[in-house]
Amino acid sequence: MSVNKVILIGNVGKDPEVRYLDSGVAVAQFSLATSERGYTNSQGVQVPDRTEWHNIVLWRGLADVAEKYIRKGSKVYIEGKIRTRSYEDQAGVRRYVTEIFGDSLEMLDRKDSQSQGDSGVASTQQTYNTAPSTPKPQANPISPVGSNDQAAEDDLPF
């Protein structure tokens, strides 16, 4: 068994570039910055902030959402898969690109305080997914070894 899952929370580095394939399918691409805060270690050495840049790719409905609502500086939560592809540049050198193919997107920005009246804290959190949600299977309690199933079921506290 293997798992390929990426979870990122960060800030968009540039407005999404959206293009449409001949079939009409939308594809959005943008960069996302995630940062680790710097610190001072036990020897007094200061370790600076570290920022990683990620190439995000969104397809179909998620690309449409990105085109309409995501802008440079937007804070987003993205779940997806990591993919690496290669190509040859104009000089014939093989290059590699690592991208995050998003399956789920949540916008974490706060709305403008002027449109919120007195509170100013309402959030624009909205989640978008590429696949319809499916109910998770319910786990069945496992009966203790050597006991009869009916007796073990009657002893459960719930």
N, C-alpha and C. Protein backbone atom coordinates (compact mmCIF):
# COMPACT_ATOMS: atom_id res chain seq x y z
N MET A 1 0.85 -1.18 0.00
CA MET A 1 0.00 0.00 0.00
C MET A 1 0.88 1.23 0.00
N SER A 2 0.48 2.26 -0.70
CA SER A 2 1.21 3.52 -0.70
C SER A 2 0.23 4.68 -0.69
N VAL A 3 0.71 5.82 -0.24
CA VAL A 3 -0.13 7.02 -0.14
C VAL A 3 0.64 8.18 -0.75
N ASN A 4 -0.03 8.97 -1.55
CA ASN A 4 0.53 10.19 -2.11
C ASN A 4 -0.44 11.31 -1.77
N LYS A 5 -0.21 11.99 -0.64
CA LYS A 5 -1.11 13.04 -0.18
C LYS A 5 -0.29 14.20 0.34
N VAL A 6 -0.66 15.39 -0.11
CA VAL A 6 0.02 16.61 0.30
C VAL A 6 -1.02 17.54 0.90
N ILE A 7 -0.69 18.17 2.02
CA ILE A 7 -1.54 19.18 2.63
C ILE A 7 -0.68 20.43 2.80
N LEU A 8 -1.14 21.53 2.23
CA LEU A 8 -0.41 22.79 2.30
C LEU A 8 -1.33 23.91 2.75
N ILE A 9 -0.81 24.79 3.60
CA ILE A 9 -1.48 26.04 3.93
C ILE A 9 -0.44 27.12 3.68
N GLY A 10 -0.79 28.06 2.82
CA GLY A 10 0.18 29.10 2.50
C GLY A 10 -0.47 30.25 1.77
N ASN A 11 0.41 31.13 1.26
CA ASN A 11 -0.03 32.32 0.55
C ASN A 11 0.31 32.21 -0.93
N VAL A 12 -0.64 32.61 -1.76
CA VAL A 12 -0.48 32.56 -3.20
C VAL A 12 0.56 33.60 -3.62
N GLY A 13 1.51 33.17 -4.45
CA GLY A 13 2.61 34.05 -4.86
C GLY A 13 2.30 34.91 -6.06
N LYS A 14 1.36 34.48 -6.90
CA LYS A 14 0.95 35.27 -8.07
C LYS A 14 -0.46 34.87 -8.46
N ASP A 15 -1.14 35.74 -9.18
CA ASP A 15 -2.49 35.42 -9.64
C ASP A 15 -2.45 34.14 -10.46
N PRO A 16 -3.47 33.28 -10.32
CA PRO A 16 -3.49 32.04 -11.10
C PRO A 16 -3.49 32.32 -12.60
N GLU A 17 -2.74 31.52 -13.34
CA GLU A 17 -2.78 31.54 -14.80
C GLU A 17 -3.73 30.43 -15.22
N VAL A 18 -4.82 30.81 -15.88
CA VAL A 18 -5.83 29.83 -16.26
C VAL A 18 -5.84 29.71 -17.78
N ARG A 19 -5.82 28.48 -18.26
CA ARG A 19 -5.92 28.23 -19.69
C ARG A 19 -6.97 27.15 -19.89
N TYR A 20 -7.47 27.11 -21.11
CA TYR A 20 -8.52 26.14 -21.44
C TYR A 20 -8.01 25.22 -22.55
N LEU A 21 -8.14 23.92 -22.33
CA LEU A 21 -7.75 22.95 -23.34
C LEU A 21 -8.77 22.96 -24.48
N ASP A 22 -8.43 22.33 -25.60
CA ASP A 22 -9.35 22.27 -26.75
C ASP A 22 -10.69 21.66 -26.36
N SER A 23 -10.68 20.77 -25.39
CA SER A 23 -11.92 20.13 -24.94
C SER A 23 -12.75 21.02 -24.01
N GLY A 24 -12.23 22.20 -23.68
CA GLY A 24 -12.95 23.13 -22.81
C GLY A 24 -12.61 22.97 -21.34
N VAL A 25 -11.73 22.06 -21.00
CA VAL A 25 -11.34 21.82 -19.60
C VAL A 25 -10.40 22.94 -19.14
N ALA A 26 -10.70 23.51 -17.98
CA ALA A 26 -9.88 24.59 -17.42
C ALA A 26 -8.74 24.02 -16.60
N VAL A 27 -7.56 24.66 -16.69
CA VAL A 27 -6.38 24.30 -15.90
C VAL A 27 -5.81 25.59 -15.32
N ALA A 28 -5.67 25.64 -14.00
CA ALA A 28 -5.10 26.82 -13.33
C ALA A 28 -3.76 26.44 -12.72
N GLN A 29 -2.79 27.35 -12.82
CA GLN A 29 -1.48 27.14 -12.22
C GLN A 29 -1.10 28.40 -11.46
N PHE A 30 -0.51 28.20 -10.26
CA PHE A 30 0.02 29.33 -9.50
C PHE A 30 1.03 28.80 -8.50
N SER A 31 1.79 29.72 -7.93
CA SER A 31 2.77 29.33 -6.92
C SER A 31 2.19 29.59 -5.54
N LEU A 32 2.61 28.77 -4.58
CA LEU A 32 2.15 28.90 -3.21
C LEU A 32 3.37 28.87 -2.29
N ALA A 33 3.44 29.83 -1.38
CA ALA A 33 4.55 29.91 -0.43
C ALA A 33 4.11 29.37 0.92
N THR A 34 4.93 28.47 1.48
CA THR A 34 4.74 28.03 2.86
C THR A 34 6.00 28.44 3.61
N SER A 35 5.83 28.93 4.83
CA SER A 35 6.98 29.45 5.58
C SER A 35 7.08 28.81 6.95
N GLU A 36 8.32 28.58 7.35
CA GLU A 36 8.62 28.13 8.70
C GLU A 36 9.28 29.30 9.41
N ARG A 37 8.83 29.58 10.59
CA ARG A 37 9.34 30.70 11.34
C ARG A 37 10.76 30.42 11.82
N GLY A 38 11.61 31.43 11.78
CA GLY A 38 12.97 31.29 12.28
C GLY A 38 13.00 31.16 13.79
N TYR A 39 14.16 30.79 14.31
CA TYR A 39 14.29 30.59 15.74
C TYR A 39 15.76 30.75 16.14
N THR A 40 15.99 30.76 17.43
CA THR A 40 17.35 30.78 17.97
C THR A 40 17.57 29.46 18.67
N ASN A 41 18.62 28.72 18.27
CA ASN A 41 18.85 27.41 18.87
C ASN A 41 19.53 27.55 20.24
N SER A 42 19.79 26.42 20.89
CA SER A 42 20.32 26.44 22.26
C SER A 42 21.72 27.04 22.36
N GLN A 43 22.47 27.09 21.25
CA GLN A 43 23.80 27.71 21.26
C GLN A 43 23.74 29.20 20.94
N GLY A 44 22.55 29.74 20.77
CA GLY A 44 22.39 31.15 20.48
C GLY A 44 22.49 31.51 19.01
N VAL A 45 22.57 30.50 18.15
CA VAL A 45 22.65 30.75 16.71
C VAL A 45 21.24 31.00 16.17
N GLN A 46 21.09 32.09 15.43
CA GLN A 46 19.78 32.40 14.87
C GLN A 46 19.61 31.68 13.53
N VAL A 47 18.51 30.95 13.42
CA VAL A 47 18.15 30.27 12.18
C VAL A 47 17.06 31.12 11.53
N PRO A 48 17.27 31.60 10.30
CA PRO A 48 16.30 32.50 9.67
C PRO A 48 15.02 31.78 9.23
N ASP A 49 13.99 32.59 8.92
CA ASP A 49 12.76 32.05 8.34
C ASP A 49 13.11 31.28 7.08
N ARG A 50 12.33 30.25 6.78
CA ARG A 50 12.56 29.46 5.57
C ARG A 50 11.24 29.38 4.80
N THR A 51 11.28 29.79 3.55
CA THR A 51 10.10 29.76 2.69
C THR A 51 10.30 28.75 1.58
N GLU A 52 9.31 27.89 1.40
CA GLU A 52 9.31 26.92 0.29
C GLU A 52 8.24 27.36 -0.71
N TRP A 53 8.56 27.24 -1.98
CA TRP A 53 7.61 27.58 -3.04
C TRP A 53 7.13 26.30 -3.71
N HIS A 54 5.82 26.21 -3.90
CA HIS A 54 5.19 25.03 -4.48
C HIS A 54 4.43 25.43 -5.74
N ASN A 55 4.52 24.61 -6.78
CA ASN A 55 3.76 24.82 -8.02
C ASN A 55 2.44 24.07 -7.89
N ILE A 56 1.34 24.81 -7.93
CA ILE A 56 0.01 24.24 -7.74
C ILE A 56 -0.69 24.15 -9.11
N VAL A 57 -1.34 23.02 -9.36
CA VAL A 57 -2.12 22.81 -10.57
C VAL A 57 -3.53 22.39 -10.16
N LEU A 58 -4.52 23.11 -10.66
CA LEU A 58 -5.93 22.79 -10.38
C LEU A 58 -6.64 22.57 -11.71
N TRP A 59 -7.54 21.60 -11.74
CA TRP A 59 -8.26 21.25 -12.96
C TRP A 59 -9.75 21.51 -12.80
N ARG A 60 -10.41 21.68 -13.91
CA ARG A 60 -11.87 21.79 -14.05
C ARG A 60 -12.49 22.81 -13.11
N GLY A 61 -13.40 22.37 -12.25
CA GLY A 61 -14.12 23.28 -11.36
C GLY A 61 -13.21 24.03 -10.41
N LEU A 62 -12.18 23.36 -9.91
CA LEU A 62 -11.25 24.04 -9.00
C LEU A 62 -10.50 25.14 -9.74
N ALA A 63 -10.20 24.93 -11.02
CA ALA A 63 -9.54 25.96 -11.82
C ALA A 63 -10.46 27.16 -11.99
N ASP A 64 -11.75 26.90 -12.19
CA ASP A 64 -12.71 28.00 -12.32
C ASP A 64 -12.80 28.80 -11.03
N VAL A 65 -12.81 28.11 -9.89
CA VAL A 65 -12.84 28.79 -8.60
C VAL A 65 -11.59 29.64 -8.42
N ALA A 66 -10.44 29.08 -8.76
CA ALA A 66 -9.18 29.82 -8.64
C ALA A 66 -9.21 31.08 -9.49
N GLU A 67 -9.72 30.95 -10.70
CA GLU A 67 -9.78 32.11 -11.61
C GLU A 67 -10.65 33.22 -11.04
N LYS A 68 -11.76 32.86 -10.41
CA LYS A 68 -12.70 33.85 -9.91
C LYS A 68 -12.29 34.46 -8.57
N TYR A 69 -11.71 33.66 -7.67
CA TYR A 69 -11.58 34.11 -6.29
C TYR A 69 -10.16 34.22 -5.75
N ILE A 70 -9.20 33.53 -6.33
CA ILE A 70 -7.86 33.53 -5.76
C ILE A 70 -7.00 34.60 -6.42
N ARG A 71 -6.30 35.36 -5.58
CA ARG A 71 -5.42 36.43 -6.05
C ARG A 71 -4.10 36.32 -5.32
N LYS A 72 -3.11 37.02 -5.83
CA LYS A 72 -1.80 37.08 -5.17
C LYS A 72 -2.01 37.50 -3.72
N GLY A 73 -1.39 36.77 -2.80
CA GLY A 73 -1.52 37.07 -1.37
C GLY A 73 -2.62 36.31 -0.67
N SER A 74 -3.55 35.69 -1.42
CA SER A 74 -4.63 34.92 -0.80
C SER A 74 -4.05 33.79 0.04
N LYS A 75 -4.68 33.54 1.19
CA LYS A 75 -4.27 32.42 2.04
C LYS A 75 -5.19 31.25 1.71
N VAL A 76 -4.60 30.09 1.38
CA VAL A 76 -5.39 28.93 0.99
C VAL A 76 -4.88 27.66 1.65
N TYR A 77 -5.79 26.71 1.76
CA TYR A 77 -5.50 25.34 2.21
C TYR A 77 -5.72 24.46 0.99
N ILE A 78 -4.73 23.63 0.68
CA ILE A 78 -4.83 22.75 -0.49
C ILE A 78 -4.47 21.34 -0.10
N GLU A 79 -5.29 20.39 -0.53
CA GLU A 79 -4.96 18.97 -0.42
C GLU A 79 -4.81 18.45 -1.83
N GLY A 80 -3.84 17.56 -2.02
CA GLY A 80 -3.66 17.01 -3.35
C GLY A 80 -2.59 15.95 -3.39
N LYS A 81 -2.07 15.74 -4.58
CA LYS A 81 -1.03 14.74 -4.83
C LYS A 81 0.21 15.42 -5.38
N ILE A 82 1.38 14.89 -5.05
CA ILE A 82 2.61 15.42 -5.59
C ILE A 82 2.97 14.65 -6.85
N ARG A 83 3.33 15.37 -7.89
CA ARG A 83 3.70 14.75 -9.16
C ARG A 83 4.96 15.41 -9.68
N THR A 84 5.83 14.62 -10.26
CA THR A 84 7.05 15.13 -10.87
C THR A 84 7.04 14.76 -12.34
N ARG A 85 7.36 15.71 -13.18
CA ARG A 85 7.44 15.45 -14.61
C ARG A 85 8.76 16.00 -15.13
N SER A 86 9.16 15.54 -16.29
CA SER A 86 10.41 16.03 -16.87
C SER A 86 10.16 16.49 -18.30
N TYR A 87 11.04 17.35 -18.78
CA TYR A 87 10.97 17.84 -20.15
C TYR A 87 12.38 18.26 -20.56
N GLU A 88 12.56 18.46 -21.85
CA GLU A 88 13.84 18.94 -22.35
C GLU A 88 13.70 20.41 -22.71
N ASP A 89 14.62 21.25 -22.21
CA ASP A 89 14.56 22.67 -22.54
C ASP A 89 15.13 22.91 -23.94
N GLN A 90 15.20 24.16 -24.34
CA GLN A 90 15.65 24.50 -25.69
C GLN A 90 17.08 24.08 -25.96
N ALA A 91 17.88 23.99 -24.91
CA ALA A 91 19.28 23.57 -25.06
C ALA A 91 19.43 22.06 -25.02
N GLY A 92 18.32 21.33 -24.88
CA GLY A 92 18.38 19.88 -24.84
C GLY A 92 18.69 19.31 -23.47
N VAL A 93 18.65 20.14 -22.43
CA VAL A 93 18.92 19.70 -21.06
C VAL A 93 17.62 19.20 -20.44
N ARG A 94 17.66 18.02 -19.81
CA ARG A 94 16.48 17.47 -19.15
C ARG A 94 16.23 18.23 -17.85
N ARG A 95 15.02 18.74 -17.72
CA ARG A 95 14.60 19.49 -16.53
C ARG A 95 13.47 18.74 -15.84
N TYR A 96 13.37 18.92 -14.53
CA TYR A 96 12.33 18.27 -13.74
C TYR A 96 11.50 19.33 -13.04
N VAL A 97 10.19 19.10 -12.97
CA VAL A 97 9.27 20.01 -12.32
C VAL A 97 8.43 19.19 -11.35
N THR A 98 8.33 19.65 -10.11
CA THR A 98 7.48 19.01 -9.12
C THR A 98 6.26 19.90 -8.92
N GLU A 99 5.07 19.30 -9.02
CA GLU A 99 3.83 20.04 -8.93
C GLU A 99 2.89 19.37 -7.94
N ILE A 100 2.00 20.16 -7.38
CA ILE A 100 0.95 19.65 -6.51
C ILE A 100 -0.35 19.73 -7.30
N PHE A 101 -0.95 18.57 -7.59
CA PHE A 101 -2.24 18.52 -8.27
C PHE A 101 -3.32 18.55 -7.19
N GLY A 102 -4.00 19.68 -7.08
CA GLY A 102 -4.98 19.88 -6.01
C GLY A 102 -6.26 19.11 -6.22
N ASP A 103 -6.72 18.46 -5.15
CA ASP A 103 -8.01 17.76 -5.13
C ASP A 103 -9.05 18.53 -4.32
N SER A 104 -8.56 19.37 -3.39
CA SER A 104 -9.43 20.11 -2.50
C SER A 104 -8.81 21.47 -2.23
N LEU A 105 -9.64 22.48 -2.17
CA LEU A 105 -9.18 23.86 -1.98
C LEU A 105 -10.08 24.54 -0.97
N GLU A 106 -9.47 25.22 -0.01
CA GLU A 106 -10.24 26.01 0.95
C GLU A 106 -9.60 27.38 1.05
N MET A 107 -10.41 28.40 0.85
CA MET A 107 -9.91 29.77 0.95
C MET A 107 -9.99 30.21 2.40
N LEU A 108 -8.90 30.72 2.93
CA LEU A 108 -8.82 31.05 4.35
C LEU A 108 -8.80 32.54 4.64
N ASP A 109 -8.92 33.39 3.62
CA ASP A 109 -8.89 34.84 3.82
C ASP A 109 -10.10 35.31 4.61
N ARG A 110 -9.92 36.42 5.28
CA ARG A 110 -11.03 37.06 5.98
C ARG A 110 -11.64 38.10 5.05
N LYS A 111 -12.95 38.28 5.19
CA LYS A 111 -13.63 39.28 4.38
C LYS A 111 -13.23 40.67 4.86
N ASP A 112 -13.41 41.64 3.99
CA ASP A 112 -13.13 43.04 4.31
C ASP A 112 -13.98 43.46 5.51
N SER A 113 -13.35 44.05 6.49
CA SER A 113 -14.06 44.42 7.73
C SER A 113 -15.16 45.43 7.48
N GLN A 114 -15.07 46.23 6.42
CA GLN A 114 -16.12 47.21 6.13
C GLN A 114 -17.42 46.52 5.76
N SER A 115 -17.36 45.38 5.10
CA SER A 115 -18.58 44.70 4.69
C SER A 115 -19.16 43.85 5.82
N GLN A 116 -18.50 43.79 6.97
CA GLN A 116 -18.95 42.95 8.07
C GLN A 116 -19.65 43.73 9.17
N GLY A 117 -19.84 45.02 9.00
CA GLY A 117 -20.46 45.79 10.07
C GLY A 117 -19.51 45.92 11.24
N ASP A 118 -20.01 45.64 12.46
CA ASP A 118 -19.20 45.82 13.66
C ASP A 118 -18.24 44.68 13.92
N SER A 119 -18.58 43.46 13.52
CA SER A 119 -17.76 42.32 13.92
C SER A 119 -16.44 42.27 13.17
N GLY A 120 -16.44 42.34 11.86
CA GLY A 120 -15.21 42.33 11.08
C GLY A 120 -14.43 41.03 11.15
N VAL A 121 -15.04 39.95 11.64
CA VAL A 121 -14.29 38.71 11.79
C VAL A 121 -14.86 37.55 10.99
N ALA A 122 -15.89 37.79 10.21
CA ALA A 122 -16.46 36.69 9.44
C ALA A 122 -15.44 36.21 8.41
N SER A 123 -15.36 34.93 8.25
CA SER A 123 -14.36 34.31 7.37
C SER A 123 -14.99 33.91 6.06
N THR A 124 -14.18 33.91 4.99
CA THR A 124 -14.67 33.46 3.68
C THR A 124 -14.31 32.01 3.46
N GLN A 125 -14.16 31.24 4.51
CA GLN A 125 -13.77 29.85 4.35
C GLN A 125 -14.83 29.11 3.55
N GLN A 126 -14.40 28.57 2.43
CA GLN A 126 -15.26 27.79 1.57
C GLN A 126 -14.42 26.66 0.99
N THR A 127 -14.93 25.45 1.05
CA THR A 127 -14.17 24.30 0.57
C THR A 127 -14.70 23.86 -0.78
N TYR A 128 -13.78 23.54 -1.68
CA TYR A 128 -14.12 23.04 -3.00
C TYR A 128 -13.36 21.75 -3.22
N ASN A 129 -14.01 20.75 -3.79
CA ASN A 129 -13.40 19.45 -4.05
C ASN A 129 -13.60 19.07 -5.50
N THR A 130 -12.70 18.24 -6.00
CA THR A 130 -12.86 17.74 -7.37
C THR A 130 -13.76 16.53 -7.43
N ALA A 131 -13.83 15.77 -6.38
CA ALA A 131 -14.64 14.55 -6.37
C ALA A 131 -15.80 14.72 -5.39
N PRO A 132 -16.96 14.13 -5.69
CA PRO A 132 -18.07 14.20 -4.73
C PRO A 132 -17.68 13.47 -3.44
N SER A 133 -18.16 13.99 -2.33
CA SER A 133 -17.82 13.35 -1.07
C SER A 133 -18.57 12.04 -0.94
N THR A 134 -17.90 11.06 -0.39
CA THR A 134 -18.50 9.76 -0.17
C THR A 134 -18.47 9.47 1.31
N PRO A 135 -19.52 8.84 1.83
CA PRO A 135 -19.52 8.54 3.26
C PRO A 135 -18.42 7.55 3.60
N LYS A 136 -17.80 7.75 4.75
CA LYS A 136 -16.75 6.84 5.19
C LYS A 136 -17.40 5.60 5.78
N PRO A 137 -16.82 4.43 5.52
CA PRO A 137 -17.39 3.20 6.08
C PRO A 137 -17.28 3.20 7.59
N GLN A 138 -18.29 2.64 8.23
CA GLN A 138 -18.29 2.55 9.68
C GLN A 138 -17.48 1.34 10.12
N ALA A 139 -16.66 1.53 11.12
CA ALA A 139 -15.86 0.43 11.64
C ALA A 139 -16.73 -0.46 12.52
N ASN A 140 -16.58 -1.76 12.37
CA ASN A 140 -17.30 -2.70 13.21
C ASN A 140 -16.44 -3.05 14.41
N PRO A 141 -17.03 -3.09 15.60
CA PRO A 141 -16.22 -3.45 16.76
C PRO A 141 -15.73 -4.90 16.63
N ILE A 142 -14.53 -5.13 17.05
CA ILE A 142 -13.94 -6.46 16.99
C ILE A 142 -14.18 -7.14 18.33
N SER A 143 -14.73 -8.35 18.28
CA SER A 143 -15.02 -9.04 19.53
C SER A 143 -13.73 -9.63 20.11
N PRO A 144 -13.64 -9.71 21.43
CA PRO A 144 -12.44 -10.28 22.06
C PRO A 144 -12.24 -11.72 21.62
N VAL A 145 -10.99 -12.12 21.53
CA VAL A 145 -10.65 -13.47 21.11
C VAL A 145 -11.17 -14.47 22.14
N GLY A 146 -11.78 -15.54 21.65
CA GLY A 146 -12.25 -16.60 22.53
C GLY A 146 -13.61 -16.35 23.12
N SER A 147 -14.25 -15.22 22.84
CA SER A 147 -15.59 -14.98 23.39
C SER A 147 -16.62 -15.21 22.31
N ASN A 148 -17.83 -15.44 22.71
CA ASN A 148 -18.84 -15.60 21.69
C ASN A 148 -19.32 -14.20 21.27
N ASP A 149 -19.66 -14.03 20.01
CA ASP A 149 -19.96 -12.72 19.44
C ASP A 149 -21.11 -12.03 20.16
N GLN A 150 -22.15 -12.76 20.52
CA GLN A 150 -23.32 -12.15 21.15
C GLN A 150 -22.95 -11.58 22.51
N ALA A 151 -22.18 -12.32 23.30
CA ALA A 151 -21.81 -11.85 24.64
C ALA A 151 -20.92 -10.62 24.53
N ALA A 152 -19.98 -10.60 23.60
CA ALA A 152 -19.08 -9.47 23.44
C ALA A 152 -19.85 -8.24 23.00
N GLU A 153 -20.88 -8.42 22.17
CA GLU A 153 -21.67 -7.29 21.70
C GLU A 153 -22.47 -6.69 22.85
N ASP A 154 -22.97 -7.53 23.78
CA ASP A 154 -23.76 -7.04 24.90
C ASP A 154 -22.89 -6.28 25.90
N ASP A 155 -21.57 -6.55 25.95
CA ASP A 155 -20.70 -5.90 26.92
C ASP A 155 -20.18 -4.54 26.46
N LEU A 156 -20.47 -4.13 25.22
CA LEU A 156 -19.96 -2.87 24.70
C LEU A 156 -20.66 -1.71 25.41
N PRO A 157 -19.93 -0.67 25.76
CA PRO A 157 -20.51 0.46 26.50
C PRO A 157 -21.34 1.40 25.65
N PHE A 158 -21.49 1.14 24.37
CA PHE A 158 -22.25 2.07 23.52
C PHE A 158 -23.29 1.37 22.70
